[in-house]
Amino acid sequence: MIRVLKRMVGLTSTTTTIIFECRRCGTCFSSDEESCTECGTSSIVKYKI
C-alpha cells in the first residue's frame, strides 16, 4: 500500500530527467554543450533528477 501511495504522489519515478546548466549564469541546456551560449564559460554541470 505504501508503494502505491508513493507512486500516486510522485515520490517514486522510473524516469530520469537530465539537465545541463551553466555554473556561472544558470542558463539551462537540453543537451551537453562545450560552452555556455550566454556567458561563454566552459563550466557546464549535468544534473540527473
C-alpha atoms as a PDB file:
ATOM      1  CA  MET A   1       0.000   0.000   0.000  1.00  0.00           C
ATOM      2  CA  ILE A   2       2.817   2.452   0.800  1.00  0.00           C
ATOM      3  CA  ARG A   3       4.348   1.771  -2.620  1.00  0.00           C
ATOM      4  CA  VAL A   4       1.054   2.674  -4.314  1.00  0.00           C
ATOM      5  CA  LEU A   5       0.721   5.883  -2.300  1.00  0.00           C
ATOM      6  CA  LYS A   6       4.293   6.938  -3.113  1.00  0.00           C
ATOM      7  CA  ARG A   7       3.654   6.347  -6.809  1.00  0.00           C
ATOM      8  CA  MET A   8       0.444   8.380  -6.645  1.00  0.00           C
ATOM      9  CA  VAL A   9       2.170  11.420  -5.142  1.00  0.00           C
ATOM     10  CA  GLY A  10       5.247  11.088  -7.343  1.00  0.00           C
ATOM     11  CA  LEU A  11       7.801  10.016  -4.749  1.00  0.00           C
ATOM     12  CA  THR A  12       8.998   7.156  -6.909  1.00  0.00           C
ATOM     13  CA  SER A  13       9.724   7.502 -10.586  1.00  0.00           C
ATOM     14  CA  THR A  14      11.104   5.191 -13.224  1.00  0.00           C
ATOM     15  CA  THR A  15      12.262   8.019 -15.498  1.00  0.00           C
ATOM     16  CA  THR A  16      15.333  10.186 -15.051  1.00  0.00           C
ATOM     17  CA  THR A  17      15.484  13.757 -16.314  1.00  0.00           C
ATOM     18  CA  ILE A  18      18.903  15.114 -17.245  1.00  0.00           C
ATOM     19  CA  ILE A  19      19.525  18.857 -17.086  1.00  0.00           C
ATOM     20  CA  PHE A  20      22.663  20.663 -18.209  1.00  0.00           C
ATOM     21  CA  GLU A  21      23.261  24.032 -16.540  1.00  0.00           C
ATOM     22  CA  CYS A  22      25.915  26.726 -16.691  1.00  0.00           C
ATOM     23  CA  ARG A  23      27.605  27.102 -13.303  1.00  0.00           C
ATOM     24  CA  ARG A  24      28.298  30.792 -13.864  1.00  0.00           C
ATOM     25  CA  CYS A  25      24.988  32.237 -15.116  1.00  0.00           C
ATOM     26  CA  GLY A  26      22.467  29.396 -14.619  1.00  0.00           C
ATOM     27  CA  THR A  27      21.439  29.002 -18.265  1.00  0.00           C
ATOM     28  CA  CYS A  28      19.871  25.567 -18.886  1.00  0.00           C
ATOM     29  CA  PHE A  29      20.520  23.407 -21.948  1.00  0.00           C
ATOM     30  CA  SER A  30      18.701  20.371 -23.323  1.00  0.00           C
ATOM     31  CA  SER A  31      21.959  18.715 -24.370  1.00  0.00           C
ATOM     32  CA  ASP A  32      25.598  18.706 -23.302  1.00  0.00           C
ATOM     33  CA  GLU A  33      27.300  21.874 -24.571  1.00  0.00           C
ATOM     34  CA  GLU A  34      31.031  22.623 -24.612  1.00  0.00           C
ATOM     35  CA  SER A  35      30.464  26.224 -23.520  1.00  0.00           C
ATOM     36  CA  CYS A  36      27.587  28.453 -22.430  1.00  0.00           C
ATOM     37  CA  THR A  37      25.911  30.384 -25.239  1.00  0.00           C
ATOM     38  CA  GLU A  38      25.079  33.232 -22.829  1.00  0.00           C
ATOM     39  CA  CYS A  39      28.319  33.899 -20.919  1.00  0.00           C
ATOM     40  CA  GLY A  40      30.910  31.784 -22.764  1.00  0.00           C
ATOM     41  CA  THR A  41      32.223  29.774 -19.808  1.00  0.00           C
ATOM     42  CA  SER A  42      33.050  26.093 -20.258  1.00  0.00           C
ATOM     43  CA  SER A  43      31.829  25.240 -16.754  1.00  0.00           C
ATOM     44  CA  ILE A  44      28.684  23.208 -17.514  1.00  0.00           C
ATOM     45  CA  VAL A  45      27.216  20.841 -14.920  1.00  0.00           C
ATOM     46  CA  LYS A  46      24.973  17.797 -15.514  1.00  0.00           C
ATOM     47  CA  TYR A  47      22.138  17.034 -13.073  1.00  0.00           C
ATOM     48  CA  LYS A  48      20.190  13.763 -13.013  1.00  0.00           C
ATOM     49  CA  ILE A  49      16.783  14.309 -11.455  1.00  0.00           C
END
